[in-house]
Every structure is written in C-alpha cells, then in structure tokens.
Amino acid sequence: METKITTDHFELVNDIRSSLANAEKNAIKIRKFNAWLLIISIVTSAATTLVTAITAARGPIVGEGPSGWKVSCLIAAAFGFATTVCVGANQGFRFSDRGSRANECAGRLRSLDISIKTGTKNWDLITKEYEEIVSKFPEEIR
C-alpha cells in the first residue's frame, strides 16, 4: 500500500514531525532533570551519612564543644533536607512516569513518521493513529 504525500497531507506530516520533535525534546528534558535529582539525592544522602558518622566517631567536624556539635548537626540536617526535597520532588512530580510517557509518545510518532516515509500505511490509518496519539499524550507533544 503506497502512501503519497499530497498538498492535502503536507500539513498533517508537518504536525506529526513537529509533535515528534516536541516529544523528543520533552523526553530528553525530563530524563536529564530526573537524573540530576537522583544524583543530588544520592550525593546529599551520602554526605549526611558521612557527616553524622565522622561526628559520632570523632566529635564535631567544625569547631569544638556545644557550638561545634550544633554546626555539625546543622550541616547533616541541611544535607538530609536536600535529600528529602530531591526525592520528594522526583516522586511528587512523577518524573519517571512522565519520562516513560514522553518516550512512548515519541516512539509512536517516530513509527508513524517511518510509515509515512515508507508508505506502509494509508492516510486514513495515519490520521486515526495521530488523533489517538494527540488525545493520549497532549502534554508530551506541547
């Protein structure tokens, strides 16, 4: 089955390719942000453990006496707070789910684009599938 691009289909093809570019851009952006949040949470969690372990084993890491203990505890608490914020943001904003959806959307659009290039689907099927993608993934193609 041959799919020829006519002037009537040109706008649809442009919309599909524009949506694909947006979905790929969103997937990359989400993946990078998710990775940064995970890296920061791992590093700050490790720093919390290190500060508390050193403080417990040797005493305050900064200063001496009660003020040194306060500063050491404050440093550990700040690292712990950063860990909590990063993990909470990652879970609360569902970056893993959103990344998966963006990748699925991009994959379906990529498949549709290949179908157009190779002529393996007729225009009715292309239009129907694109409508389904737009309906299911409105945020991913913006």
Protein backbone atom coordinates (compact mmCIF):
# COMPACT_ATOMS: atom_id res chain seq x y z
CA MET A 1 0.00 0.00 0.00
CA GLU A 2 1.54 3.24 -1.14
CA THR A 3 1.30 6.50 0.77
CA LYS A 4 1.91 9.56 -1.36
CA ILE A 5 2.27 12.96 0.22
CA THR A 6 -0.05 15.42 -1.45
CA THR A 7 -0.58 19.04 -0.62
CA ASP A 8 -3.62 17.94 1.42
CA HIS A 9 -1.40 15.78 3.64
CA PHE A 10 1.53 18.17 3.89
CA GLU A 11 0.11 19.95 6.96
CA LEU A 12 -0.56 16.64 8.73
CA VAL A 13 3.00 15.48 8.07
CA ASN A 14 4.35 18.78 9.44
CA ASP A 15 2.16 18.44 12.54
CA ILE A 16 3.36 14.87 13.12
CA ARG A 17 7.02 15.85 12.75
CA SER A 18 6.58 18.90 14.95
CA SER A 19 4.89 16.76 17.61
CA LEU A 20 7.73 14.24 17.33
CA ALA A 21 10.35 16.95 17.84
CA ASN A 22 8.46 18.29 20.87
CA ALA A 23 8.01 14.81 22.39
CA GLU A 24 11.70 14.01 21.93
CA LYS A 25 12.69 17.36 23.44
CA ASN A 26 10.39 16.80 26.42
CA ALA A 27 11.67 13.24 26.94
CA ILE A 28 15.29 14.45 27.00
CA LYS A 29 14.46 17.34 29.34
CA ILE A 30 12.58 15.06 31.76
CA ARG A 31 15.32 12.41 31.65
CA LYS A 32 18.03 15.00 32.43
CA PHE A 33 16.07 16.57 35.27
CA ASN A 34 15.23 13.17 36.73
CA ALA A 35 18.89 12.15 36.54
CA TRP A 36 20.01 15.35 38.28
CA LEU A 37 17.51 14.89 41.08
CA LEU A 38 18.66 11.30 41.59
CA ILE A 39 22.35 12.25 41.56
CA ILE A 40 21.81 15.11 44.00
CA SER A 41 19.76 12.92 46.34
CA ILE A 42 22.42 10.18 46.31
CA VAL A 43 25.25 12.64 46.95
CA THR A 44 23.41 14.52 49.70
CA SER A 45 22.31 11.29 51.34
CA ALA A 46 25.90 10.03 51.32
CA ALA A 47 27.09 13.38 52.69
CA THR A 48 24.54 13.16 55.52
CA THR A 49 25.80 9.70 56.42
CA LEU A 50 29.43 10.80 56.23
CA VAL A 51 28.95 13.91 58.37
CA THR A 52 26.99 12.04 61.05
CA ALA A 53 29.45 9.11 61.06
CA ILE A 54 32.50 11.36 61.41
CA THR A 55 30.77 13.46 64.06
CA ALA A 56 29.78 10.36 66.02
CA ALA A 57 33.28 8.87 65.79
CA ARG A 58 35.47 11.94 66.33
CA GLY A 59 33.24 14.68 67.64
CA PRO A 60 32.18 17.88 65.86
CA ILE A 61 33.58 18.31 62.36
CA VAL A 62 33.56 22.09 62.77
CA GLY A 63 34.56 23.84 65.97
CA GLU A 64 34.51 22.41 69.47
CA GLY A 65 32.08 21.96 72.30
CA PRO A 66 28.33 22.57 72.11
CA SER A 67 28.62 25.08 69.25
CA GLY A 68 30.67 22.56 67.21
CA TRP A 69 28.01 19.89 67.78
CA LYS A 70 25.30 22.33 66.70
CA VAL A 71 27.13 23.22 63.49
CA SER A 72 27.83 19.55 62.69
CA CYS A 73 24.19 18.64 63.26
CA LEU A 74 23.09 21.63 61.18
CA ILE A 75 25.31 20.50 58.27
CA ALA A 76 23.92 16.96 58.45
CA ALA A 77 20.37 18.32 58.67
CA ALA A 78 20.92 20.55 55.62
CA PHE A 79 22.15 17.56 53.58
CA GLY A 80 19.22 15.49 54.83
CA PHE A 81 16.81 18.28 53.90
CA ALA A 82 18.27 18.48 50.37
CA THR A 83 17.89 14.71 50.01
CA THR A 84 14.26 14.87 51.13
CA VAL A 85 13.43 17.72 48.76
CA CYS A 86 15.03 15.96 45.76
CA VAL A 87 13.40 12.60 46.43
CA GLY A 88 10.06 14.25 47.18
CA ALA A 89 10.20 16.37 44.02
CA ASN A 90 11.10 13.35 41.94
CA GLN A 91 8.21 11.32 43.33
CA GLY A 92 5.73 14.18 43.60
CA PHE A 93 6.21 15.36 40.04
CA ARG A 94 6.31 11.74 38.79
CA PHE A 95 9.35 12.28 36.57
CA SER A 96 9.77 8.55 35.93
CA ASP A 97 6.17 8.19 34.75
CA ARG A 98 6.33 11.37 32.72
CA GLY A 99 9.58 10.26 31.11
CA SER A 100 8.08 6.90 30.19
CA ARG A 101 5.04 8.59 28.67
CA ALA A 102 7.19 11.02 26.69
CA ASN A 103 9.31 8.13 25.38
CA GLU A 104 6.21 6.14 24.43
CA CYS A 105 4.75 9.14 22.65
CA ALA A 106 7.99 9.82 20.76
CA GLY A 107 8.24 6.16 19.79
CA ARG A 108 4.72 6.07 18.41
CA LEU A 109 5.27 9.30 16.50
CA ARG A 110 8.60 8.01 15.16
CA SER A 111 6.84 4.86 13.97
CA LEU A 112 4.17 6.97 12.31
CA ASP A 113 6.81 9.10 10.59
CA ILE A 114 8.54 5.98 9.27
CA SER A 115 5.19 4.72 7.98
CA ILE A 116 4.78 7.97 6.07
CA LYS A 117 8.32 7.78 4.64
CA THR A 118 7.98 4.14 3.61
CA GLY A 119 4.35 4.29 2.54
CA THR A 120 3.30 1.28 4.62
CA LYS A 121 0.06 2.83 5.92
CA ASN A 122 -2.73 4.64 4.17
CA TRP A 123 -3.65 8.20 5.12
CA ASP A 124 -6.82 7.16 6.98
CA LEU A 125 -4.78 4.94 9.32
CA ILE A 126 -2.11 7.62 9.73
CA THR A 127 -4.73 10.23 10.59
CA LYS A 128 -6.53 7.92 13.02
CA GLU A 129 -3.31 6.94 14.80
CA TYR A 130 -2.15 10.55 15.05
CA GLU A 131 -5.51 11.53 16.53
CA GLU A 132 -5.10 8.78 19.15
CA ILE A 133 -1.58 9.96 19.98
CA VAL A 134 -2.66 13.60 20.30
CA SER A 135 -5.56 12.54 22.50
CA LYS A 136 -3.46 10.30 24.75
CA PHE A 137 -0.33 12.48 25.01
CA PRO A 138 -1.35 16.18 24.96
CA GLU A 139 1.32 17.27 27.46
CA GLU A 140 4.11 15.35 25.77
CA ILE A 141 3.67 16.99 22.36
CA ARG A 142 3.37 20.59 23.54
